Amino acid sequence: REISLLAGEVSRFGWRAAVGELCAGIAHHLNNPVGAMISTLRTLNLRVAELAPEQRIELEPLIKRARDVAVRIETNVNAVVRTHKAGSIDNQPRPLDLAGELDTALTLLAGRLSGVAVVRAYRGPIPCVLPQEPLHHVLGHLVDNAVQAMAGAGTLRLEVVVEPTLLRLSVADSGTGIDDEMRSRLFDPILSARPGHAGLGLSTAQRLARLWGGDVVFAGN
């Protein structure tokens, strides 16, 4: 049964490659108009600066709001492109900035973090050498698990401690915690404390982390 479930995970990696190609195409079509919009808003801002003060009061906030929306779209598109590289899955370690990868993971999950206060206890850059695609899987699973543990509302704290021979990332949430019985089997496949869930998130995160010499462990409530 476990082999069958892991085979399903492998199949999803294949689908992820296909999604990557789709995302690359969508991003190409979005980036050009968004870039043009930002450029146009910059020009408008220069023109508005030449107007009388009473006219600027009304127009400047509207331009700023439109520019903020355009920048947000651009940021989200770039985050998706970084995560879903066009073509096949890349499992080769490469120099990365862990802080940037964490920011990308949070951007991709922004829709689920609306009721969550995110504490970023890290500052970049944090150099590391890791396979980017599996890293995004691990970060996504850990953050998603924390958000679900809080039922979508609470405080999520991400902290990175740089040690001489390793990087230690802690993901903490303000949920109710894990009971003693569940702790010893927390990373078992198909085990979930939430009804209707497959129980593969944490086991998959741990398995992927161990492939590159890392690990995912439970540090305590």
Protein backbone atom coordinates (compact mmCIF):
# COMPACT_ATOMS: atom_id res chain seq x y z
CA ARG A 1 0.00 0.00 0.00
CA GLU A 2 2.84 2.38 0.86
CA ILE A 3 4.61 1.59 -2.44
CA SER A 4 1.40 2.37 -4.30
CA LEU A 5 1.11 5.73 -2.56
CA LEU A 6 4.73 6.62 -3.26
CA ALA A 7 4.19 5.63 -6.90
CA GLY A 8 1.39 8.18 -6.94
CA GLU A 9 3.86 10.79 -5.71
CA VAL A 10 6.22 9.94 -8.59
CA SER A 11 3.33 10.29 -11.01
CA ARG A 12 2.58 13.73 -9.60
CA PHE A 13 6.21 14.75 -10.29
CA GLY A 14 5.51 14.01 -13.94
CA TRP A 15 2.38 16.13 -13.86
CA ARG A 16 4.41 18.89 -12.19
CA ALA A 17 6.76 18.98 -15.17
CA ALA A 18 3.76 19.38 -17.48
CA VAL A 19 2.39 22.13 -15.24
CA GLY A 20 5.82 23.78 -15.43
CA GLU A 21 5.58 24.04 -19.20
CA LEU A 22 2.06 25.48 -18.92
CA CYS A 23 3.18 28.02 -16.30
CA ALA A 24 6.11 29.12 -18.43
CA GLY A 25 3.75 29.84 -21.32
CA ILE A 26 1.26 31.73 -19.15
CA ALA A 27 4.06 33.71 -17.50
CA HIS A 28 5.41 34.76 -20.89
CA HIS A 29 2.01 36.13 -21.89
CA LEU A 30 1.49 37.88 -18.53
CA ASN A 31 4.93 39.42 -18.07
CA ASN A 32 4.82 41.55 -21.20
CA PRO A 33 1.51 43.35 -20.49
CA VAL A 34 2.32 43.70 -16.79
CA GLY A 35 5.70 45.22 -17.66
CA ALA A 36 4.00 47.60 -20.08
CA MET A 37 1.47 48.54 -17.39
CA ILE A 38 4.20 49.34 -14.85
CA SER A 39 6.08 51.41 -17.43
CA THR A 40 2.91 53.32 -18.35
CA LEU A 41 2.12 54.02 -14.69
CA ARG A 42 5.65 55.38 -14.22
CA THR A 43 5.09 57.77 -17.11
CA LEU A 44 1.70 58.80 -15.71
CA ASN A 45 3.29 59.47 -12.34
CA LEU A 46 5.78 61.84 -13.98
CA ARG A 47 2.98 63.66 -15.80
CA VAL A 48 0.87 63.94 -12.64
CA ALA A 49 3.84 65.47 -10.80
CA GLU A 50 3.59 68.41 -13.22
CA LEU A 51 -0.05 69.12 -12.28
CA ALA A 52 -1.39 71.49 -9.66
CA PRO A 53 -1.38 70.14 -6.05
CA GLU A 54 -5.16 69.84 -5.86
CA GLN A 55 -5.18 67.65 -8.98
CA ARG A 56 -2.34 65.45 -7.71
CA ILE A 57 -4.18 64.69 -4.46
CA GLU A 58 -6.83 62.73 -6.35
CA LEU A 59 -4.68 61.07 -9.01
CA GLU A 60 -1.54 60.00 -7.13
CA PRO A 61 -3.29 57.48 -4.81
CA LEU A 62 -5.03 55.87 -7.80
CA ILE A 63 -1.76 55.49 -9.70
CA LYS A 64 -0.02 54.08 -6.61
CA ARG A 65 -2.81 51.54 -6.08
CA ALA A 66 -2.64 50.42 -9.71
CA ARG A 67 1.15 50.15 -9.56
CA ASP A 68 1.00 48.09 -6.33
CA VAL A 69 -1.41 45.66 -7.99
CA ALA A 70 0.81 45.37 -11.07
CA VAL A 71 3.92 44.74 -8.96
CA ARG A 72 2.05 42.11 -6.96
CA ILE A 73 1.04 40.32 -10.17
CA GLU A 74 4.63 40.48 -11.41
CA THR A 75 5.94 39.08 -8.09
CA ASN A 76 3.45 36.19 -8.11
CA VAL A 77 4.19 35.32 -11.74
CA ASN A 78 7.94 35.30 -11.06
CA ALA A 79 7.42 33.11 -7.98
CA VAL A 80 5.43 30.58 -10.02
CA VAL A 81 8.08 30.56 -12.77
CA ARG A 82 10.86 29.99 -10.23
CA THR A 83 9.00 27.07 -8.70
CA HIS A 84 7.72 25.44 -11.91
CA LYS A 85 10.70 25.45 -14.25
CA ALA A 86 9.77 24.63 -17.83
CA GLY A 87 10.67 21.10 -18.82
CA SER A 88 11.65 18.18 -16.61
CA ILE A 89 12.10 18.11 -12.84
CA ASP A 90 15.58 19.25 -11.80
CA ASN A 91 16.93 17.30 -8.83
CA GLN A 92 20.51 18.54 -9.11
CA PRO A 93 21.86 20.60 -6.18
CA ARG A 94 22.60 24.20 -7.07
CA PRO A 95 23.62 27.38 -5.20
CA LEU A 96 20.47 28.96 -3.77
CA ASP A 97 19.44 31.66 -1.32
CA LEU A 98 17.32 29.92 1.32
CA ALA A 99 15.76 33.22 2.38
CA GLY A 100 14.63 33.86 -1.19
CA GLU A 101 13.24 30.34 -1.53
CA LEU A 102 11.27 30.77 1.72
CA ASP A 103 9.86 34.08 0.46
CA THR A 104 8.85 32.35 -2.78
CA ALA A 105 7.09 29.54 -0.89
CA LEU A 106 5.17 32.08 1.20
CA THR A 107 4.20 34.03 -1.93
CA LEU A 108 2.82 30.90 -3.58
CA LEU A 109 0.75 30.12 -0.47
CA ALA A 110 -0.36 33.74 0.05
CA GLY A 111 -3.98 32.85 -0.67
CA ARG A 112 -4.05 30.53 2.36
CA LEU A 113 -2.20 32.93 4.66
CA SER A 114 -4.79 35.72 4.75
CA GLY A 115 -5.67 34.97 8.40
CA VAL A 116 -2.13 34.08 9.44
CA ALA A 117 0.48 36.42 10.93
CA VAL A 118 3.80 35.37 9.37
CA VAL A 119 6.96 36.03 11.39
CA ARG A 120 10.10 35.87 9.24
CA ALA A 121 12.92 35.27 11.72
CA TYR A 122 15.60 35.22 9.04
CA ARG A 123 17.51 37.64 6.85
CA GLY A 124 18.96 37.00 3.45
CA PRO A 125 20.95 36.06 1.69
CA ILE A 126 21.40 32.61 3.24
CA PRO A 127 23.64 30.65 0.83
CA CYS A 128 22.97 26.94 0.47
CA VAL A 129 23.45 24.19 -2.11
CA LEU A 130 20.22 22.23 -2.59
CA PRO A 131 18.02 20.84 -5.37
CA GLN A 132 15.50 23.60 -5.93
CA GLU A 133 12.49 21.52 -6.98
CA PRO A 134 12.52 19.11 -4.00
CA LEU A 135 13.25 22.05 -1.68
CA HIS A 136 10.03 23.75 -2.81
CA HIS A 137 8.14 20.53 -2.17
CA VAL A 138 9.53 20.33 1.38
CA LEU A 139 8.88 24.00 2.18
CA GLY A 140 5.38 23.80 0.70
CA HIS A 141 4.50 20.70 2.74
CA LEU A 142 5.82 22.19 6.00
CA VAL A 143 4.09 25.55 5.63
CA ASP A 144 0.86 23.93 4.42
CA ASN A 145 0.88 21.53 7.37
CA ALA A 146 1.37 24.42 9.80
CA VAL A 147 -1.48 26.44 8.27
CA GLN A 148 -3.81 23.44 8.47
CA ALA A 149 -2.83 22.86 12.11
CA MET A 150 -4.07 26.39 12.88
CA ALA A 151 -7.26 26.00 10.84
CA GLY A 152 -6.08 28.92 8.71
CA ALA A 153 -5.72 31.50 11.50
CA GLY A 154 -2.88 32.11 13.94
CA THR A 155 0.84 32.83 13.91
CA LEU A 156 3.38 31.12 11.67
CA ARG A 157 7.03 31.58 12.57
CA LEU A 158 9.88 30.68 10.22
CA GLU A 159 13.38 30.86 11.65
CA VAL A 160 16.73 29.98 10.11
CA VAL A 161 19.78 29.35 12.29
CA VAL A 162 23.12 29.18 10.48
CA GLU A 163 25.47 26.67 12.13
CA PRO A 164 29.04 25.75 11.08
CA THR A 165 28.06 22.58 9.20
CA LEU A 166 24.33 22.98 8.56
CA LEU A 167 21.32 25.25 8.24
CA ARG A 168 18.50 24.70 10.71
CA LEU A 169 15.05 25.84 9.59
CA SER A 170 12.26 25.75 12.15
CA VAL A 171 8.60 26.06 11.20
CA ALA A 172 6.38 26.79 14.21
CA ASP A 173 2.65 27.43 14.39
CA SER A 174 0.22 28.50 17.10
CA GLY A 175 -2.01 25.44 16.66
CA THR A 176 -3.13 23.09 19.43
CA GLY A 177 -0.06 20.85 19.09
CA ILE A 178 0.29 17.09 18.61
CA ASP A 179 -0.75 14.48 21.18
CA ASP A 180 1.74 11.94 22.53
CA GLU A 181 0.28 9.01 20.59
CA MET A 182 0.61 10.80 17.27
CA ARG A 183 4.19 12.03 17.80
CA SER A 184 5.87 8.65 17.44
CA ARG A 185 4.12 8.02 14.12
CA LEU A 186 4.07 11.57 12.79
CA PHE A 187 6.12 10.76 9.66
CA ASP A 188 4.45 7.46 8.84
CA PRO A 189 2.85 7.47 5.36
CA ILE A 190 -0.97 7.50 5.23
CA LEU A 191 -1.15 8.69 8.83
CA SER A 192 -3.06 11.94 9.33
CA ALA A 193 -4.55 13.59 12.37
CA ARG A 194 -7.06 15.35 10.10
CA PRO A 195 -10.00 13.41 8.67
CA GLY A 196 -10.05 13.24 4.88
CA HIS A 197 -6.32 13.86 4.45
CA ALA A 198 -3.96 11.33 2.83
CA GLY A 199 -1.23 11.76 5.43
CA LEU A 200 1.57 12.03 2.84
CA GLY A 201 2.71 15.63 3.39
CA LEU A 202 5.17 15.20 6.26
CA SER A 203 6.36 11.75 5.19
CA THR A 204 7.08 13.09 1.69
CA ALA A 205 8.87 16.16 3.09
CA GLN A 206 11.06 13.98 5.29
CA ARG A 207 11.83 11.53 2.46
CA LEU A 208 12.83 14.32 0.06
CA ALA A 209 14.98 16.08 2.66
CA ARG A 210 16.85 12.86 3.44
CA LEU A 211 17.63 12.38 -0.26
CA TRP A 212 19.95 15.42 -0.16
CA GLY A 213 21.40 14.67 3.28
CA GLY A 214 18.99 16.74 5.34
CA ASP A 215 16.11 15.72 7.57
CA VAL A 216 12.72 16.82 8.87
CA VAL A 217 12.07 16.17 12.55
CA PHE A 218 9.48 17.13 15.16
CA ALA A 219 11.03 19.45 17.75
CA GLY A 220 8.12 19.50 20.23
CA ASN A 221 4.89 21.38 20.94
